Amino acid sequence: MSTLVLETEPIAVGVTVTDDDLSIDLSDGRRIVVPLAWYPRLLHASGTERRHWQLLGDGYAIEWPDLDEHIGMEGLLAGRPSGESPQSLNSWLASRRLHSG
């Protein structure tokens, strides 16, 4: 089994979220597209919440502060979806319902 060794750290420079996909533009010109279903908080977010993101550090991760969602570039490139448990997601969804109504 071989181990992936990155020549340079992957750095995000742009983010687009649609109803189906999360697309990340990297500084080296690549674009990574993954299913939005990989990140349930983004899947359940409004368009406004999805557009309110910021890069952390030099782009090693992306944060959606309104959703308490953080996605690291290393995990994204490794193909790792959100590790949030169903219980945690359900608690977060219940909290959103309480604050919206």
PDB file of N, CA and C in Angstrom:
ATOM      1  N   MET A   1       0.848  -1.178   0.000  1.00  0.00           N
ATOM      2  CA  MET A   1       0.000   0.000   0.000  1.00  0.00           C
ATOM      3  C   MET A   1       0.889   1.235   0.000  1.00  0.00           C
ATOM      4  N   SER A   2       0.592   2.174  -0.874  1.00  0.00           N
ATOM      5  CA  SER A   2       1.381   3.393  -0.935  1.00  0.00           C
ATOM      6  C   SER A   2       0.688   4.514  -0.171  1.00  0.00           C
ATOM      7  N   THR A   3       1.459   5.501   0.189  1.00  0.00           N
ATOM      8  CA  THR A   3       0.949   6.657   0.917  1.00  0.00           C
ATOM      9  C   THR A   3       1.033   7.874   0.013  1.00  0.00           C
ATOM     10  N   LEU A   4      -0.024   8.654   0.005  1.00  0.00           N
ATOM     11  CA  LEU A   4      -0.046   9.879  -0.779  1.00  0.00           C
ATOM     12  C   LEU A   4       0.857  10.919  -0.133  1.00  0.00           C
ATOM     13  N   VAL A   5       1.780  11.454  -0.901  1.00  0.00           N
ATOM     14  CA  VAL A   5       2.641  12.527  -0.427  1.00  0.00           C
ATOM     15  C   VAL A   5       2.386  13.731  -1.323  1.00  0.00           C
ATOM     16  N   LEU A   6       1.958  14.816  -0.719  1.00  0.00           N
ATOM     17  CA  LEU A   6       1.655  16.024  -1.476  1.00  0.00           C
ATOM     18  C   LEU A   6       2.905  16.880  -1.616  1.00  0.00           C
ATOM     19  N   GLU A   7       3.151  17.348  -2.833  1.00  0.00           N
ATOM     20  CA  GLU A   7       4.283  18.236  -3.077  1.00  0.00           C
ATOM     21  C   GLU A   7       4.063  19.589  -2.394  1.00  0.00           C
ATOM     22  N   THR A   8       2.847  20.072  -2.468  1.00  0.00           N
ATOM     23  CA  THR A   8       2.476  21.319  -1.802  1.00  0.00           C
ATOM     24  C   THR A   8       1.122  21.114  -1.140  1.00  0.00           C
ATOM     25  N   GLU A   9       0.874  21.881  -0.126  1.00  0.00           N
ATOM     26  CA  GLU A   9      -0.418  21.801   0.547  1.00  0.00           C
ATOM     27  C   GLU A   9      -1.513  22.340  -0.368  1.00  0.00           C
ATOM     28  N   PRO A  10      -2.643  21.656  -0.437  1.00  0.00           N
ATOM     29  CA  PRO A  10      -3.753  22.164  -1.249  1.00  0.00           C
ATOM     30  C   PRO A  10      -4.353  23.409  -0.599  1.00  0.00           C
ATOM     31  N   ILE A  11      -4.486  24.462  -1.379  1.00  0.00           N
ATOM     32  CA  ILE A  11      -4.991  25.745  -0.879  1.00  0.00           C
ATOM     33  C   ILE A  11      -6.243  26.135  -1.655  1.00  0.00           C
ATOM     34  N   ALA A  12      -7.331  26.366  -0.927  1.00  0.00           N
ATOM     35  CA  ALA A  12      -8.580  26.810  -1.538  1.00  0.00           C
ATOM     36  C   ALA A  12      -8.503  28.298  -1.843  1.00  0.00           C
ATOM     37  N   VAL A  13      -9.061  28.668  -2.995  1.00  0.00           N
ATOM     38  CA  VAL A  13      -9.136  30.088  -3.352  1.00  0.00           C
ATOM     39  C   VAL A  13     -10.563  30.512  -3.692  1.00  0.00           C
ATOM     40  N   GLY A  14     -11.452  29.547  -3.887  1.00  0.00           N
ATOM     41  CA  GLY A  14     -12.832  29.877  -4.225  1.00  0.00           C
ATOM     42  C   GLY A  14     -13.765  28.734  -3.885  1.00  0.00           C
ATOM     43  N   VAL A  15     -15.011  29.083  -3.622  1.00  0.00           N
ATOM     44  CA  VAL A  15     -16.019  28.099  -3.216  1.00  0.00           C
ATOM     45  C   VAL A  15     -17.330  28.409  -3.928  1.00  0.00           C
ATOM     46  N   THR A  16     -17.972  27.375  -4.439  1.00  0.00           N
ATOM     47  CA  THR A  16     -19.312  27.493  -5.007  1.00  0.00           C
ATOM     48  C   THR A  16     -20.147  26.347  -4.456  1.00  0.00           C
ATOM     49  N   VAL A  17     -21.335  26.685  -3.971  1.00  0.00           N
ATOM     50  CA  VAL A  17     -22.241  25.668  -3.454  1.00  0.00           C
ATOM     51  C   VAL A  17     -23.553  25.762  -4.228  1.00  0.00           C
ATOM     52  N   THR A  18     -23.941  24.649  -4.863  1.00  0.00           N
ATOM     53  CA  THR A  18     -25.228  24.575  -5.543  1.00  0.00           C
ATOM     54  C   THR A  18     -26.149  23.678  -4.720  1.00  0.00           C
ATOM     55  N   ASP A  19     -27.332  23.407  -5.236  1.00  0.00           N
ATOM     56  CA  ASP A  19     -28.242  22.512  -4.534  1.00  0.00           C
ATOM     57  C   ASP A  19     -27.730  21.078  -4.500  1.00  0.00           C
ATOM     58  N   ASP A  20     -26.783  20.752  -5.386  1.00  0.00           N
ATOM     59  CA  ASP A  20     -26.298  19.379  -5.504  1.00  0.00           C
ATOM     60  C   ASP A  20     -24.821  19.180  -5.178  1.00  0.00           C
ATOM     61  N   ASP A  21     -24.005  20.215  -5.392  1.00  0.00           N
ATOM     62  CA  ASP A  21     -22.559  20.040  -5.314  1.00  0.00           C
ATOM     63  C   ASP A  21     -21.863  21.129  -4.509  1.00  0.00           C
ATOM     64  N   LEU A  22     -20.705  20.750  -3.978  1.00  0.00           N
ATOM     65  CA  LEU A  22     -19.752  21.686  -3.389  1.00  0.00           C
ATOM     66  C   LEU A  22     -18.541  21.684  -4.311  1.00  0.00           C
ATOM     67  N   SER A  23     -18.178  22.847  -4.808  1.00  0.00           N
ATOM     68  CA  SER A  23     -17.059  22.984  -5.742  1.00  0.00           C
ATOM     69  C   SER A  23     -16.014  23.904  -5.120  1.00  0.00           C
ATOM     70  N   ILE A  24     -14.778  23.411  -5.066  1.00  0.00           N
ATOM     71  CA  ILE A  24     -13.682  24.172  -4.478  1.00  0.00           C
ATOM     72  C   ILE A  24     -12.629  24.413  -5.554  1.00  0.00           C
ATOM     73  N   ASP A  25     -12.281  25.670  -5.777  1.00  0.00           N
ATOM     74  CA  ASP A  25     -11.193  26.024  -6.684  1.00  0.00           C
ATOM     75  C   ASP A  25      -9.909  26.091  -5.870  1.00  0.00           C
ATOM     76  N   LEU A  26      -8.872  25.396  -6.337  1.00  0.00           N
ATOM     77  CA  LEU A  26      -7.584  25.370  -5.655  1.00  0.00           C
ATOM     78  C   LEU A  26      -6.599  26.302  -6.337  1.00  0.00           C
ATOM     79  N   SER A  27      -5.594  26.720  -5.579  1.00  0.00           N
ATOM     80  CA  SER A  27      -4.617  27.689  -6.091  1.00  0.00           C
ATOM     81  C   SER A  27      -3.803  27.140  -7.256  1.00  0.00           C
ATOM     82  N   ASP A  28      -3.725  25.821  -7.400  1.00  0.00           N
ATOM     83  CA  ASP A  28      -2.949  25.244  -8.504  1.00  0.00           C
ATOM     84  C   ASP A  28      -3.772  25.056  -9.775  1.00  0.00           C
ATOM     85  N   GLY A  29      -5.021  25.558  -9.770  1.00  0.00           N
ATOM     86  CA  GLY A  29      -5.856  25.497 -10.959  1.00  0.00           C
ATOM     87  C   GLY A  29      -6.855  24.354 -10.977  1.00  0.00           C
ATOM     88  N   ARG A  30      -6.742  23.416 -10.051  1.00  0.00           N
ATOM     89  CA  ARG A  30      -7.707  22.321 -10.000  1.00  0.00           C
ATOM     90  C   ARG A  30      -9.026  22.780  -9.400  1.00  0.00           C
ATOM     91  N   ARG A  31     -10.080  22.081  -9.749  1.00  0.00           N
ATOM     92  CA  ARG A  31     -11.400  22.283  -9.148  1.00  0.00           C
ATOM     93  C   ARG A  31     -11.852  20.914  -8.646  1.00  0.00           C
ATOM     94  N   ILE A  32     -12.202  20.866  -7.382  1.00  0.00           N
ATOM     95  CA  ILE A  32     -12.685  19.642  -6.749  1.00  0.00           C
ATOM     96  C   ILE A  32     -14.192  19.797  -6.568  1.00  0.00           C
ATOM     97  N   VAL A  33     -14.950  18.813  -7.044  1.00  0.00           N
ATOM     98  CA  VAL A  33     -16.406  18.843  -6.910  1.00  0.00           C
ATOM     99  C   VAL A  33     -16.838  17.571  -6.200  1.00  0.00           C
ATOM    100  N   VAL A  34     -17.598  17.745  -5.112  1.00  0.00           N
ATOM    101  CA  VAL A  34     -18.117  16.610  -4.353  1.00  0.00           C
ATOM    102  C   VAL A  34     -19.614  16.800  -4.144  1.00  0.00           C
ATOM    103  N   PRO A  35     -20.327  15.709  -3.890  1.00  0.00           N
ATOM    104  CA  PRO A  35     -21.769  15.830  -3.657  1.00  0.00           C
ATOM    105  C   PRO A  35     -22.051  16.628  -2.378  1.00  0.00           C
ATOM    106  N   LEU A  36     -23.005  17.507  -2.439  1.00  0.00           N
ATOM    107  CA  LEU A  36     -23.378  18.293  -1.264  1.00  0.00           C
ATOM    108  C   LEU A  36     -23.856  17.387  -0.134  1.00  0.00           C
ATOM    109  N   ALA A  37     -24.393  16.232  -0.480  1.00  0.00           N
ATOM    110  CA  ALA A  37     -24.865  15.278   0.534  1.00  0.00           C
ATOM    111  C   ALA A  37     -23.735  14.836   1.470  1.00  0.00           C
ATOM    112  N   TRP A  38     -22.476  15.004   1.061  1.00  0.00           N
ATOM    113  CA  TRP A  38     -21.362  14.683   1.937  1.00  0.00           C
ATOM    114  C   TRP A  38     -21.325  15.579   3.162  1.00  0.00           C
ATOM    115  N   TYR A  39     -21.938  16.742   3.076  1.00  0.00           N
ATOM    116  CA  TYR A  39     -21.904  17.737   4.157  1.00  0.00           C
ATOM    117  C   TYR A  39     -23.336  18.144   4.504  1.00  0.00           C
ATOM    118  N   PRO A  40     -23.994  17.384   5.379  1.00  0.00           N
ATOM    119  CA  PRO A  40     -25.415  17.599   5.664  1.00  0.00           C
ATOM    120  C   PRO A  40     -25.773  19.012   6.127  1.00  0.00           C
ATOM    121  N   ARG A  41     -24.879  19.659   6.846  1.00  0.00           N
ATOM    122  CA  ARG A  41     -25.202  21.026   7.288  1.00  0.00           C
ATOM    123  C   ARG A  41     -25.336  21.955   6.082  1.00  0.00           C
ATOM    124  N   LEU A  42     -24.465  21.784   5.101  1.00  0.00           N
ATOM    125  CA  LEU A  42     -24.597  22.584   3.882  1.00  0.00           C
ATOM    126  C   LEU A  42     -25.841  22.183   3.103  1.00  0.00           C
ATOM    127  N   LEU A  43     -26.146  20.910   3.098  1.00  0.00           N
ATOM    128  CA  LEU A  43     -27.322  20.417   2.392  1.00  0.00           C
ATOM    129  C   LEU A  43     -28.602  21.044   2.953  1.00  0.00           C
ATOM    130  N   HIS A  44     -28.661  21.223   4.267  1.00  0.00           N
ATOM    131  CA  HIS A  44     -29.853  21.776   4.924  1.00  0.00           C
ATOM    132  C   HIS A  44     -29.824  23.299   5.046  1.00  0.00           C
ATOM    133  N   ALA A  45     -28.781  23.930   4.569  1.00  0.00           N
ATOM    134  CA  ALA A  45     -28.630  25.382   4.708  1.00  0.00           C
ATOM    135  C   ALA A  45     -29.393  26.133   3.627  1.00  0.00           C
ATOM    136  N   SER A  46     -29.672  27.378   3.918  1.00  0.00           N
ATOM    137  CA  SER A  46     -30.277  28.261   2.908  1.00  0.00           C
ATOM    138  C   SER A  46     -29.194  28.713   1.941  1.00  0.00           C
ATOM    139  N   GLY A  47     -29.608  29.253   0.817  1.00  0.00           N
ATOM    140  CA  GLY A  47     -28.655  29.793  -0.151  1.00  0.00           C
ATOM    141  C   GLY A  47     -27.784  30.878   0.455  1.00  0.00           C
ATOM    142  N   THR A  48     -28.386  31.731   1.265  1.00  0.00           N
ATOM    143  CA  THR A  48     -27.632  32.800   1.916  1.00  0.00           C
ATOM    144  C   THR A  48     -26.573  32.223   2.843  1.00  0.00           C
ATOM    145  N   GLU A  49     -26.926  31.207   3.621  1.00  0.00           N
ATOM    146  CA  GLU A  49     -25.967  30.584   4.528  1.00  0.00           C
ATOM    147  C   GLU A  49     -24.848  29.892   3.747  1.00  0.00           C
ATOM    148  N   ARG A  50     -25.188  29.266   2.636  1.00  0.00           N
ATOM    149  CA  ARG A  50     -24.177  28.582   1.825  1.00  0.00           C
ATOM    150  C   ARG A  50     -23.180  29.568   1.223  1.00  0.00           C
ATOM    151  N   ARG A  51     -23.635  30.756   0.901  1.00  0.00           N
ATOM    152  CA  ARG A  51     -22.755  31.763   0.291  1.00  0.00           C
ATOM    153  C   ARG A  51     -21.884  32.479   1.324  1.00  0.00           C
ATOM    154  N   HIS A  52     -22.211  32.339   2.607  1.00  0.00           N
ATOM    155  CA  HIS A  52     -21.455  33.026   3.661  1.00  0.00           C
ATOM    156  C   HIS A  52     -20.348  32.106   4.189  1.00  0.00           C
ATOM    157  N   TRP A  53     -19.260  32.054   3.441  1.00  0.00           N
ATOM    158  CA  TRP A  53     -18.114  31.234   3.807  1.00  0.00           C
ATOM    159  C   TRP A  53     -16.886  32.106   3.899  1.00  0.00           C
ATOM    160  N   GLN A  54     -15.853  31.572   4.547  1.00  0.00           N
ATOM    161  CA  GLN A  54     -14.583  32.274   4.608  1.00  0.00           C
ATOM    162  C   GLN A  54     -13.465  31.247   4.641  1.00  0.00           C
ATOM    163  N   LEU A  55     -12.330  31.642   4.099  1.00  0.00           N
ATOM    164  CA  LEU A  55     -11.156  30.783   4.113  1.00  0.00           C
ATOM    165  C   LEU A  55     -10.465  30.914   5.456  1.00  0.00           C
ATOM    166  N   LEU A  56      -9.985  29.815   5.968  1.00  0.00           N
ATOM    167  CA  LEU A  56      -9.201  29.824   7.197  1.00  0.00           C
ATOM    168  C   LEU A  56      -7.724  29.753   6.837  1.00  0.00           C
ATOM    169  N   GLY A  57      -6.936  30.497   7.578  1.00  0.00           N
ATOM    170  CA  GLY A  57      -5.502  30.544   7.296  1.00  0.00           C
ATOM    171  C   GLY A  57      -5.269  31.025   5.882  1.00  0.00           C
ATOM    172  N   ASP A  58      -4.401  30.361   5.183  1.00  0.00           N
ATOM    173  CA  ASP A  58      -4.109  30.706   3.791  1.00  0.00           C
ATOM    174  C   ASP A  58      -4.985  29.934   2.819  1.00  0.00           C
ATOM    175  N   GLY A  59      -6.048  29.317   3.311  1.00  0.00           N
ATOM    176  CA  GLY A  59      -6.932  28.533   2.462  1.00  0.00           C
ATOM    177  C   GLY A  59      -6.834  27.042   2.720  1.00  0.00           C
ATOM    178  N   TYR A  60      -6.290  26.661   3.870  1.00  0.00           N
ATOM    179  CA  TYR A  60      -6.181  25.237   4.208  1.00  0.00           C
ATOM    180  C   TYR A  60      -7.532  24.634   4.573  1.00  0.00           C
ATOM    181  N   ALA A  61      -8.510  25.504   4.865  1.00  0.00           N
ATOM    182  CA  ALA A  61      -9.855  25.038   5.221  1.00  0.00           C
ATOM    183  C   ALA A  61     -10.862  26.132   4.891  1.00  0.00           C
ATOM    184  N   ILE A  62     -12.119  25.725   4.838  1.00  0.00           N
ATOM    185  CA  ILE A  62     -13.230  26.653   4.600  1.00  0.00           C
ATOM    186  C   ILE A  62     -14.176  26.549   5.776  1.00  0.00           C
ATOM    187  N   GLU A  63     -14.682  27.691   6.195  1.00  0.00           N
ATOM    188  CA  GLU A  63     -15.610  27.738   7.317  1.00  0.00           C
ATOM    189  C   GLU A  63     -16.895  28.426   6.881  1.00  0.00           C
ATOM    190  N   TRP A  64     -18.012  27.875   7.327  1.00  0.00           N
ATOM    191  CA  TRP A  64     -19.323  28.497   7.214  1.00  0.00           C
ATOM    192  C   TRP A  64     -19.733  28.833   8.637  1.00  0.00           C
ATOM    193  N   PRO A  65     -19.438  30.060   9.107  1.00  0.00           N
ATOM    194  CA  PRO A  65     -19.651  30.389  10.513  1.00  0.00           C
ATOM    195  C   PRO A  65     -21.106  30.268  10.964  1.00  0.00           C
ATOM    196  N   ASP A  66     -22.054  30.567  10.097  1.00  0.00           N
ATOM    197  CA  ASP A  66     -23.467  30.477  10.474  1.00  0.00           C
ATOM    198  C   ASP A  66     -23.915  29.038  10.686  1.00  0.00           C
ATOM    199  N   LEU A  67     -23.162  28.096  10.113  1.00  0.00           N
ATOM    200  CA  LEU A  67     -23.543  26.686  10.167  1.00  0.00           C
ATOM    201  C   LEU A  67     -22.637  25.872  11.081  1.00  0.00           C
ATOM    202  N   ASP A  68     -21.592  26.492  11.618  1.00  0.00           N
ATOM    203  CA  ASP A  68     -20.582  25.794  12.402  1.00  0.00           C
ATOM    204  C   ASP A  68     -20.023  24.611  11.612  1.00  0.00           C
ATOM    205  N   GLU A  69     -19.730  24.861  10.335  1.00  0.00           N
ATOM    206  CA  GLU A  69     -19.188  23.841   9.433  1.00  0.00           C
ATOM    207  C   GLU A  69     -17.794  24.247   9.002  1.00  0.00           C
ATOM    208  N   HIS A  70     -16.865  23.292   9.079  1.00  0.00           N
ATOM    209  CA  HIS A  70     -15.474  23.519   8.678  1.00  0.00           C
ATOM    210  C   HIS A  70     -15.047  22.333   7.820  1.00  0.00           C
ATOM    211  N   ILE A  71     -14.477  22.623   6.672  1.00  0.00           N
ATOM    212  CA  ILE A  71     -14.022  21.567   5.777  1.00  0.00           C
ATOM    213  C   ILE A  71     -12.562  21.834   5.425  1.00  0.00           C
ATOM    214  N   GLY A  72     -11.705  20.882   5.773  1.00  0.00           N
ATOM    215  CA  GLY A  72     -10.280  20.989   5.475  1.00  0.00           C
ATOM    216  C   GLY A  72      -9.985  20.472   4.076  1.00  0.00           C
ATOM    217  N   MET A  73      -9.044  21.107   3.414  1.00  0.00           N
ATOM    218  CA  MET A  73      -8.696  20.706   2.052  1.00  0.00           C
ATOM    219  C   MET A  73      -8.091  19.303   2.011  1.00  0.00           C
ATOM    220  N   GLU A  74      -7.302  18.959   2.994  1.00  0.00           N
ATOM    221  CA  GLU A  74      -6.671  17.640   3.008  1.00  0.00           C
ATOM    222  C   GLU A  74      -7.728  16.526   3.045  1.00  0.00           C
ATOM    223  N   GLY A  75      -8.725  16.670   3.913  1.00  0.00           N
ATOM    224  CA  GLY A  75      -9.796  15.676   3.986  1.00  0.00           C
ATOM    225  C   GLY A  75     -10.635  15.639   2.727  1.00  0.00           C
ATOM    226  N   LEU A  76     -10.882  16.801   2.165  1.00  0.00           N
ATOM    227  CA  LEU A  76     -11.669  16.880   0.931  1.00  0.00           C
ATOM    228  C   LEU A  76     -10.959  16.138  -0.199  1.00  0.00           C
ATOM    229  N   LEU A  77      -9.660  16.381  -0.346  1.00  0.00           N
ATOM    230  CA  LEU A  77      -8.890  15.715  -1.396  1.00  0.00           C
ATOM    231  C   LEU A  77      -8.753  14.214  -1.147  1.00  0.00           C
ATOM    232  N   ALA A  78      -8.805  13.811   0.117  1.00  0.00           N
ATOM    233  CA  ALA A  78      -8.724  12.385   0.447  1.00  0.00           C
ATOM    234  C   ALA A  78     -10.069  11.688   0.248  1.00  0.00           C
ATOM    235  N   GLY A  79     -11.116  12.475  -0.058  1.00  0.00           N
ATOM    236  CA  GLY A  79     -12.432  11.882  -0.300  1.00  0.00           C
ATOM    237  C   GLY A  79     -13.195  11.548   0.958  1.00  0.00           C
ATOM    238  N   ARG A  80     -12.927  12.294   2.036  1.00  0.00           N
ATOM    239  CA  ARG A  80     -13.616  12.042   3.304  1.00  0.00           C
ATOM    240  C   ARG A  80     -14.815  12.969   3.459  1.00  0.00           C
ATOM    241  N   PRO A  81     -16.026  12.420   3.482  1.00  0.00           N
ATOM    242  CA  PRO A  81     -17.205  13.251   3.751  1.00  0.00           C
ATOM    243  C   PRO A  81     -17.253  13.634   5.230  1.00  0.00           C
ATOM    244  N   SER A  82     -18.236  14.405   5.583  1.00  0.00           N
ATOM    245  CA  SER A  82     -18.414  14.836   6.970  1.00  0.00           C
ATOM    246  C   SER A  82     -18.437  13.622   7.896  1.00  0.00           C
ATOM    247  N   GLY A  83     -17.806  13.769   9.029  1.00  0.00           N
ATOM    248  CA  GLY A  83     -17.808  12.704  10.027  1.00  0.00           C
ATOM    249  C   GLY A  83     -18.832  12.944  11.120  1.00  0.00           C
ATOM    250  N   GLU A  84     -19.733  13.904  10.896  1.00  0.00           N
ATOM    251  CA  GLU A  84     -20.722  14.223  11.923  1.00  0.00           C
ATOM    252  C   GLU A  84     -21.673  13.050  12.131  1.00  0.00           C
ATOM    253  N   SER A  85     -21.923  12.737  13.390  1.00  0.00           N
ATOM    254  CA  SER A  85     -22.822  11.628  13.710  1.00  0.00           C
ATOM    255  C   SER A  85     -24.268  12.028  13.438  1.00  0.00           C
ATOM    256  N   PRO A  86     -25.127  11.052  13.172  1.00  0.00           N
ATOM    257  CA  PRO A  86     -26.553  11.359  12.981  1.00  0.00           C
ATOM    258  C   PRO A  86     -27.161  12.062  14.201  1.00  0.00           C
ATOM    259  N   GLN A  87     -26.730  11.691  15.403  1.00  0.00           N
ATOM    260  CA  GLN A  87     -27.255  12.334  16.616  1.00  0.00           C
ATOM    261  C   GLN A  87     -26.878  13.805  16.666  1.00  0.00           C
ATOM    262  N   SER A  88     -25.632  14.115  16.317  1.00  0.00           N
ATOM    263  CA  SER A  88     -25.183  15.500  16.310  1.00  0.00           C
ATOM    264  C   SER A  88     -25.939  16.311  15.257  1.00  0.00           C
ATOM    265  N   LEU A  89     -26.109  15.747  14.071  1.00  0.00           N
ATOM    266  CA  LEU A  89     -26.843  16.442  13.018  1.00  0.00           C
ATOM    267  C   LEU A  89     -28.284  16.686  13.440  1.00  0.00           C
ATOM    268  N   ASN A  90     -28.940  15.684  14.012  1.00  0.00           N
ATOM    269  CA  ASN A  90     -30.323  15.847  14.451  1.00  0.00           C
ATOM    270  C   ASN A  90     -30.444  16.914  15.524  1.00  0.00           C
ATOM    271  N   SER A  91     -29.492  16.966  16.433  1.00  0.00           N
ATOM    272  CA  SER A  91     -29.490  18.005  17.464  1.00  0.00           C
ATOM    273  C   SER A  91     -29.342  19.386  16.832  1.00  0.00           C
ATOM    274  N   TRP A  92     -28.444  19.499  15.853  1.00  0.00           N
ATOM    275  CA  TRP A  92     -28.233  20.772  15.159  1.00  0.00           C
ATOM    276  C   TRP A  92     -29.495  21.187  14.406  1.00  0.00           C
ATOM    277  N   LEU A  93     -30.125  20.239  13.715  1.00  0.00           N
ATOM    278  CA  LEU A  93     -31.368  20.542  12.984  1.00  0.00           C
ATOM    279  C   LEU A  93     -32.467  20.983  13.937  1.00  0.00           C
ATOM    280  N   ALA A  94     -32.586  20.325  15.085  1.00  0.00           N
ATOM    281  CA  ALA A  94     -33.602  20.707  16.075  1.00  0.00           C
ATOM    282  C   ALA A  94     -33.338  22.114  16.590  1.00  0.00           C
ATOM    283  N   SER A  95     -32.085  22.447  16.819  1.00  0.00           N
ATOM    284  CA  SER A  95     -31.724  23.787  17.284  1.00  0.00           C
ATOM    285  C   SER A  95     -32.099  24.840  16.247  1.00  0.00           C
ATOM    286  N   ARG A  96     -31.900  24.533  14.979  1.00  0.00           N
ATOM    287  CA  ARG A  96     -32.266  25.471  13.909  1.00  0.00           C
ATOM    288  C   ARG A  96     -33.779  25.705  13.884  1.00  0.00           C
ATOM    289  N   ARG A  97     -34.536  24.636  14.094  1.00  0.00           N
ATOM    290  CA  ARG A  97     -36.010  24.777  14.095  1.00  0.00           C
ATOM    291  C   ARG A  97     -36.455  25.656  15.256  1.00  0.00           C
ATOM    292  N   LEU A  98     -35.816  25.511  16.418  1.00  0.00           N
ATOM    293  CA  LEU A  98     -36.185  26.335  17.571  1.00  0.00           C
ATOM    294  C   LEU A  98     -35.909  27.817  17.323  1.00  0.00           C
ATOM    295  N   HIS A  99     -34.780  28.103  16.670  1.00  0.00           N
ATOM    296  CA  HIS A  99     -34.392  29.495  16.439  1.00  0.00           C
ATOM    297  C   HIS A  99     -35.104  30.139  15.248  1.00  0.00           C
ATOM    298  N   SER A 100     -35.683  29.324  14.384  1.00  0.00           N
ATOM    299  CA  SER A 100     -36.348  29.901  13.211  1.00  0.00           C
ATOM    300  C   SER A 100     -37.836  30.118  13.430  1.00  0.00           C
ATOM    301  N   GLY A 101     -38.370  29.544  14.439  1.00  0.00           N
ATOM    302  CA  GLY A 101     -39.814  29.668  14.603  1.00  0.00           C
ATOM    303  C   GLY A 101     -40.174  30.030  15.952  1.00  0.00           C
TER     304      GLY A 101
END
